[in-house]
Amino acid sequence: MTAAYDPQLLATLLAVEQTGSFTQAAARLRIRQPTVSQHIRRLEEQVGRTLVHRTTHTVALTADGEAMLGFARTILAAHEQAVAYFTGSRPRGRLRIGMSDDLALTRLPQILWEFRRDNPMVDFYLTVEQSRVLHEWMVNDKLDVLVGKRAPGDERGQLVRRDRLVWVGTPATKLDLTRPIPLVVYAAPSLSRDEMRKALHRAQLPYRSACVCRGVNGLIAGVASGIGVSALPASLVPPQLTVLGPAHRLPELGTIDLVLLANPRAEQRPAVKALIATILASGSRSLSSSTA
C-alpha cells in the first residue's frame, strides 16, 4: 500500500530544517517540543528511513531527509492550493510588504512573483528598506508583512533562517589592525552596523566609518571599490564580494535571524496567511542569494 504523508508531519520536518532546532520548530508551529519529536518519529516510521540526525547540540537532515524535504515542499504547496480552491477562499486585496534591501538579492522576488501568479486577486505595495526601519513601520501599522532581520534576543516573528554574520571584503583586502579599520556601514539604525561595532569593541580594535550608505547596492559598491570592509549574512554575500577569513584576524560576529513578521491587525487576513505559508513552504532556500 502506498504511504500517504500527513501534511502536518511534513510541515514539522520543514520547520525543523529551517530553524535547525526542535525547540524553535515547536515555537513556530505553536506545539510542544515532544510533539515535534513525535511527528518526526512518525514520519520516519512511514518512510522507513532516518530523516533527521540528532545530537546533544545539533540537528541536521540526513540525505534521505533532504530528499523528503523537496517532496514536502511540493506536497505542502499543493495542499495549500487545494484548500484554497475547495473552500472558495481565494485571497484578495492589497498587501503592504516590507522587505529588507539585502533580501532583494535573494529568491524572494521570484517567490513573490509565483505567489502573485497563483493569487491574481492580491496586489502588492512593496517597500524595500533597512530592517530596523521596517520594524518601526510595522509598529506604526504601515506594513502587513515584514521579511527581514531581527536583533539578537528579539523573539518577534517566525524564524525562517538563522545565519552567520560574516566579514566581507575583496580578494585584495588587507588590514592593519594597529590603525582604525575602515568600515562600510548602513546609516543608523542598522543591525549589522551595531554588530560590527560591538565585535570590534570586544576585541579592542579601533575602527572608523569610511563609507555610510543607505542601501545594499551602496554597501556592495563601497566594499567592492576597496573603501573598507563590512558584514553580511553568510547566505546573502553577493559574487562581487569575498568572505574574509582567519588571515584578516577580525573578531567573530555571531549570528543573525532572518524572519517573517505579520502585523497583528492583519495576520488573520487570508492573503497574509497565504503569503506567509508560501514563503515558509519554499524553505530557507528562499533566503539564500540567487546570484551567489
Protein backbone atom coordinates (compact mmCIF):
# COMPACT_ATOMS: atom_id res chain seq x y z
CA MET A 1 0.00 0.00 0.00
CA THR A 2 1.33 3.43 -0.94
CA ALA A 3 2.10 5.68 2.03
CA ALA A 4 0.07 8.88 2.36
CA TYR A 5 2.19 11.51 4.04
CA ASP A 6 0.40 13.72 6.56
CA PRO A 7 0.94 17.43 5.69
CA GLN A 8 1.23 18.17 9.42
CA LEU A 9 4.24 15.84 9.70
CA LEU A 10 5.81 17.33 6.58
CA ALA A 11 5.31 20.86 7.93
CA THR A 12 7.13 19.80 11.11
CA LEU A 13 10.08 18.45 9.10
CA LEU A 14 10.22 21.73 7.16
CA ALA A 15 10.18 23.75 10.39
CA VAL A 16 12.99 21.65 11.88
CA GLU A 17 15.13 22.18 8.78
CA GLN A 18 14.52 25.91 8.65
CA THR A 19 15.12 26.59 12.33
CA GLY A 20 17.79 23.95 12.98
CA SER A 21 16.16 23.22 16.33
CA PHE A 22 13.31 21.13 17.71
CA THR A 23 12.65 23.87 20.28
CA GLN A 24 12.46 26.63 17.65
CA ALA A 25 10.34 24.43 15.39
CA ALA A 26 7.90 23.86 18.24
CA ALA A 27 7.70 27.60 18.92
CA ARG A 28 6.99 28.33 15.25
CA LEU A 29 4.31 25.66 14.97
CA ARG A 30 2.89 26.54 18.41
CA ILE A 31 3.13 22.98 19.64
CA ARG A 32 5.18 21.31 22.39
CA GLN A 33 8.72 20.08 21.73
CA PRO A 34 7.83 16.43 22.46
CA THR A 35 5.15 16.72 19.77
CA VAL A 36 7.83 17.78 17.26
CA SER A 37 9.88 14.70 18.16
CA GLN A 38 6.76 12.55 17.83
CA HIS A 39 5.96 13.98 14.38
CA ILE A 40 9.47 13.33 13.10
CA ARG A 41 9.45 9.80 14.52
CA ARG A 42 6.08 9.04 12.88
CA LEU A 43 7.30 10.36 9.54
CA GLU A 44 10.49 8.29 9.78
CA GLU A 45 8.39 5.21 10.54
CA GLN A 46 6.23 5.88 7.46
CA VAL A 47 9.27 6.38 5.24
CA GLY A 48 11.31 3.58 6.77
CA ARG A 49 14.41 5.81 6.78
CA THR A 50 16.20 8.10 9.23
CA LEU A 51 15.41 11.67 8.19
CA VAL A 52 16.92 13.74 10.99
CA HIS A 53 20.27 13.21 12.72
CA ARG A 54 20.13 14.48 16.30
CA THR A 55 22.96 15.03 18.76
CA THR A 56 23.06 16.87 22.05
CA HIS A 57 23.92 20.13 20.33
CA THR A 58 22.93 19.89 16.67
CA VAL A 59 20.06 18.90 14.41
CA ALA A 60 20.72 18.11 10.75
CA LEU A 61 18.86 16.38 7.95
CA THR A 62 20.23 13.15 6.55
CA ALA A 63 20.49 12.62 2.78
CA ASP A 64 17.06 10.96 2.91
CA GLY A 65 15.78 13.89 4.96
CA GLU A 66 16.96 16.32 2.29
CA ALA A 67 15.20 14.24 -0.37
CA MET A 68 11.98 14.14 1.65
CA LEU A 69 12.23 17.91 2.18
CA GLY A 70 12.00 18.51 -1.56
CA PHE A 71 8.88 16.35 -1.79
CA ALA A 72 7.45 18.02 1.34
CA ARG A 73 7.63 21.49 -0.21
CA THR A 74 5.76 20.30 -3.30
CA ILE A 75 3.12 18.43 -1.27
CA LEU A 76 2.53 21.35 1.12
CA ALA A 77 2.22 23.86 -1.73
CA ALA A 78 -0.32 21.61 -3.49
CA HIS A 79 -2.17 21.14 -0.19
CA GLU A 80 -2.48 24.91 0.30
CA GLN A 81 -3.77 25.35 -3.26
CA ALA A 82 -6.33 22.57 -2.82
CA VAL A 83 -7.63 24.03 0.46
CA ALA A 84 -7.94 27.49 -1.10
CA TYR A 85 -9.71 26.11 -4.19
CA PHE A 86 -12.30 23.99 -2.40
CA THR A 87 -13.06 26.45 0.39
CA GLY A 88 -13.57 29.21 -2.15
CA SER A 89 -11.38 31.50 -0.07
CA ARG A 90 -9.03 32.79 -2.72
CA PRO A 91 -7.10 35.67 -1.15
CA ARG A 92 -7.75 39.15 -2.46
CA GLY A 93 -6.95 42.77 -1.64
CA ARG A 94 -3.66 44.62 -1.27
CA LEU A 95 -0.72 43.50 0.85
CA ARG A 96 1.72 46.03 2.29
CA ILE A 97 5.01 44.12 2.29
CA GLY A 98 8.28 45.30 3.76
CA MET A 99 11.49 43.61 2.60
CA SER A 100 14.99 44.41 3.82
CA ASP A 101 17.01 45.53 0.82
CA ASP A 102 19.67 42.82 1.02
CA LEU A 103 16.91 40.22 0.70
CA ALA A 104 16.06 41.73 -2.69
CA LEU A 105 19.22 39.87 -3.86
CA THR A 106 17.65 36.51 -2.97
CA ARG A 107 14.91 34.33 -4.45
CA LEU A 108 12.26 36.29 -2.56
CA PRO A 109 11.27 38.41 -5.58
CA GLN A 110 10.72 35.17 -7.52
CA ILE A 111 8.67 33.77 -4.61
CA LEU A 112 6.50 36.92 -4.64
CA TRP A 113 6.06 36.59 -8.41
CA GLU A 114 4.94 32.96 -8.02
CA PHE A 115 2.54 33.94 -5.21
CA ARG A 116 1.02 36.73 -7.34
CA ARG A 117 0.66 34.33 -10.28
CA ASP A 118 -1.27 31.86 -8.10
CA ASN A 119 -3.22 34.62 -6.30
CA PRO A 120 -4.12 37.09 -9.06
CA MET A 121 -6.60 38.98 -6.86
CA VAL A 122 -3.83 40.06 -4.47
CA ASP A 123 -1.85 43.23 -5.22
CA PHE A 124 1.35 44.39 -3.53
CA TYR A 125 2.57 47.62 -2.04
CA LEU A 126 6.24 46.73 -1.65
CA THR A 127 8.66 48.72 0.49
CA VAL A 128 12.40 47.92 0.43
CA GLU A 129 14.27 49.37 3.41
CA GLN A 130 16.62 48.55 6.28
CA SER A 131 15.22 46.03 8.76
CA ARG A 132 15.03 48.35 11.76
CA VAL A 133 13.14 50.94 9.74
CA LEU A 134 10.70 48.24 8.63
CA HIS A 135 10.17 47.12 12.23
CA GLU A 136 9.27 50.71 13.13
CA TRP A 137 6.83 50.86 10.22
CA MET A 138 5.23 47.60 11.39
CA VAL A 139 4.73 49.03 14.89
CA ASN A 140 3.11 52.10 13.31
CA ASP A 141 0.71 49.90 11.25
CA LYS A 142 2.29 50.81 7.90
CA LEU A 143 3.01 47.17 6.91
CA ASP A 144 1.05 43.92 6.86
CA VAL A 145 4.04 41.57 6.43
CA LEU A 146 7.73 42.11 7.10
CA VAL A 147 10.55 39.93 5.76
CA GLY A 148 13.85 40.97 7.24
CA LYS A 149 16.34 40.63 10.08
CA ARG A 150 15.80 40.89 13.81
CA ALA A 151 18.17 41.86 16.61
CA PRO A 152 19.71 39.22 18.92
CA GLY A 153 17.30 38.46 21.76
CA ASP A 154 14.27 39.65 19.81
CA GLU A 155 11.71 36.83 19.68
CA ARG A 156 9.20 38.51 17.37
CA GLY A 157 8.33 36.87 14.08
CA GLN A 158 8.69 33.39 12.60
CA LEU A 159 12.28 32.30 12.17
CA VAL A 160 13.00 31.38 8.56
CA ARG A 161 16.77 31.09 8.79
CA ARG A 162 19.47 31.62 11.40
CA ASP A 163 22.58 32.74 9.57
CA ARG A 164 26.19 33.52 10.41
CA LEU A 165 27.14 37.17 10.10
CA VAL A 166 30.45 37.33 8.23
CA TRP A 167 33.02 40.00 7.37
CA VAL A 168 33.19 40.80 3.65
CA GLY A 169 35.81 42.48 1.50
CA THR A 170 37.62 41.73 -1.76
CA PRO A 171 40.45 39.30 -2.65
CA ALA A 172 42.81 42.30 -2.36
CA THR A 173 41.62 43.39 1.10
CA LYS A 174 44.48 43.95 3.57
CA LEU A 175 44.01 45.33 7.07
CA ASP A 176 46.42 46.93 9.50
CA LEU A 177 44.87 46.22 12.89
CA THR A 178 47.02 48.87 14.56
CA ARG A 179 45.09 51.52 12.64
CA PRO A 180 41.32 52.18 12.63
CA ILE A 181 39.59 49.56 10.50
CA PRO A 182 37.67 51.23 7.65
CA LEU A 183 34.02 50.16 7.72
CA VAL A 184 31.34 50.42 5.07
CA VAL A 185 28.11 50.72 7.06
CA TYR A 186 24.43 51.39 6.64
CA ALA A 187 23.08 54.62 8.05
CA ALA A 188 21.67 54.20 11.54
CA PRO A 189 19.61 52.40 12.65
CA SER A 190 21.34 49.25 11.37
CA LEU A 191 21.65 45.78 12.92
CA SER A 192 24.82 44.83 11.02
CA ARG A 193 26.43 48.17 11.88
CA ASP A 194 25.71 47.59 15.58
CA GLU A 195 27.08 44.03 15.49
CA MET A 196 30.31 45.11 13.77
CA ARG A 197 30.91 47.84 16.31
CA LYS A 198 30.16 45.60 19.30
CA ALA A 199 32.53 42.89 18.00
CA LEU A 200 35.34 45.40 17.42
CA HIS A 201 34.79 46.94 20.86
CA ARG A 202 35.06 43.48 22.46
CA ALA A 203 38.29 42.83 20.54
CA GLN A 204 39.56 46.34 21.46
CA LEU A 205 40.17 47.13 17.80
CA PRO A 206 39.83 50.73 16.56
CA TYR A 207 37.54 51.47 13.63
CA ARG A 208 36.08 54.32 11.57
CA SER A 209 33.07 54.67 9.28
CA ALA A 210 34.85 55.11 5.96
CA CYS A 211 31.62 54.96 3.96
CA VAL A 212 27.99 55.38 5.09
CA CYS A 213 25.30 54.23 2.64
CA ARG A 214 21.52 53.86 2.56
CA GLY A 215 21.13 50.55 0.75
CA VAL A 216 22.76 47.25 -0.11
CA ASN A 217 23.86 48.43 -3.56
CA GLY A 218 25.81 51.24 -1.94
CA LEU A 219 27.34 48.82 0.56
CA ILE A 220 28.40 46.42 -2.22
CA ALA A 221 29.88 49.29 -4.25
CA GLY A 222 31.76 50.67 -1.24
CA VAL A 223 33.30 47.33 -0.32
CA ALA A 224 33.99 46.24 -3.91
CA SER A 225 35.84 49.51 -4.59
CA GLY A 226 38.16 48.90 -1.65
CA ILE A 227 36.89 51.70 0.60
CA GLY A 228 36.50 49.34 3.55
CA VAL A 229 35.07 46.10 4.93
CA SER A 230 31.55 45.30 6.06
CA ALA A 231 29.32 42.47 7.32
CA LEU A 232 26.52 40.46 5.70
CA PRO A 233 24.63 37.26 6.49
CA ALA A 234 26.68 34.39 5.01
CA SER A 235 23.86 33.29 2.69
CA LEU A 236 23.47 36.81 1.26
CA VAL A 237 27.07 37.50 0.19
CA PRO A 238 26.95 38.53 -3.50
CA PRO A 239 29.57 37.34 -6.02
CA GLN A 240 31.23 40.78 -6.13
CA LEU A 241 32.42 40.34 -2.53
CA THR A 242 34.60 37.84 -0.65
CA VAL A 243 34.13 36.42 2.84
CA LEU A 244 37.18 37.41 4.90
CA GLY A 245 38.87 34.54 6.71
CA PRO A 246 41.13 34.00 9.74
CA ALA A 247 44.07 35.64 7.98
CA HIS A 248 42.42 39.03 8.46
CA ARG A 249 42.18 38.45 12.26
CA LEU A 250 38.80 40.08 12.62
CA PRO A 251 36.55 39.09 15.56
CA GLU A 252 33.63 36.70 15.20
CA LEU A 253 30.30 38.42 14.57
CA GLY A 254 27.89 35.73 15.74
CA THR A 255 24.52 35.01 14.09
CA ILE A 256 21.59 36.95 12.77
CA ASP A 257 17.97 35.85 12.35
CA LEU A 258 16.05 36.23 9.09
CA VAL A 259 12.36 36.31 9.95
CA LEU A 260 8.78 36.72 8.81
CA LEU A 261 6.61 39.03 10.88
CA ALA A 262 2.88 39.63 10.43
CA ASN A 263 1.04 42.70 11.66
CA PRO A 264 -1.31 41.55 14.48
CA ARG A 265 -4.02 43.73 12.92
CA ALA A 266 -3.75 41.85 9.62
CA GLU A 267 -2.39 38.37 10.39
CA GLN A 268 -5.79 36.65 10.07
CA ARG A 269 -6.41 38.00 6.57
CA PRO A 270 -6.40 35.14 4.04
CA ALA A 271 -3.89 36.97 1.82
CA VAL A 272 -1.43 37.43 4.71
CA LYS A 273 -1.75 33.81 5.82
CA ALA A 274 -1.32 32.59 2.23
CA LEU A 275 1.81 34.68 1.63
CA ILE A 276 3.45 33.52 4.86
CA ALA A 277 2.62 29.89 4.03
CA THR A 278 4.12 30.30 0.55
CA ILE A 279 7.41 31.77 1.80
CA LEU A 280 7.78 29.22 4.61
CA ALA A 281 6.90 26.34 2.28
CA SER A 282 9.61 27.49 -0.12
CA GLY A 283 12.11 26.72 2.62
CA SER A 284 15.16 28.62 3.80
CA ARG A 285 16.44 28.42 0.21
CA SER A 286 14.21 31.44 -0.47
CA LEU A 287 16.52 33.48 1.74
CA SER A 288 19.72 32.43 0.00
CA SER A 289 21.40 34.68 -2.52
CA SER A 290 20.14 33.98 -6.02
CA THR A 291 23.41 35.18 -7.52
CA ALA A 292 25.97 33.75 -5.10
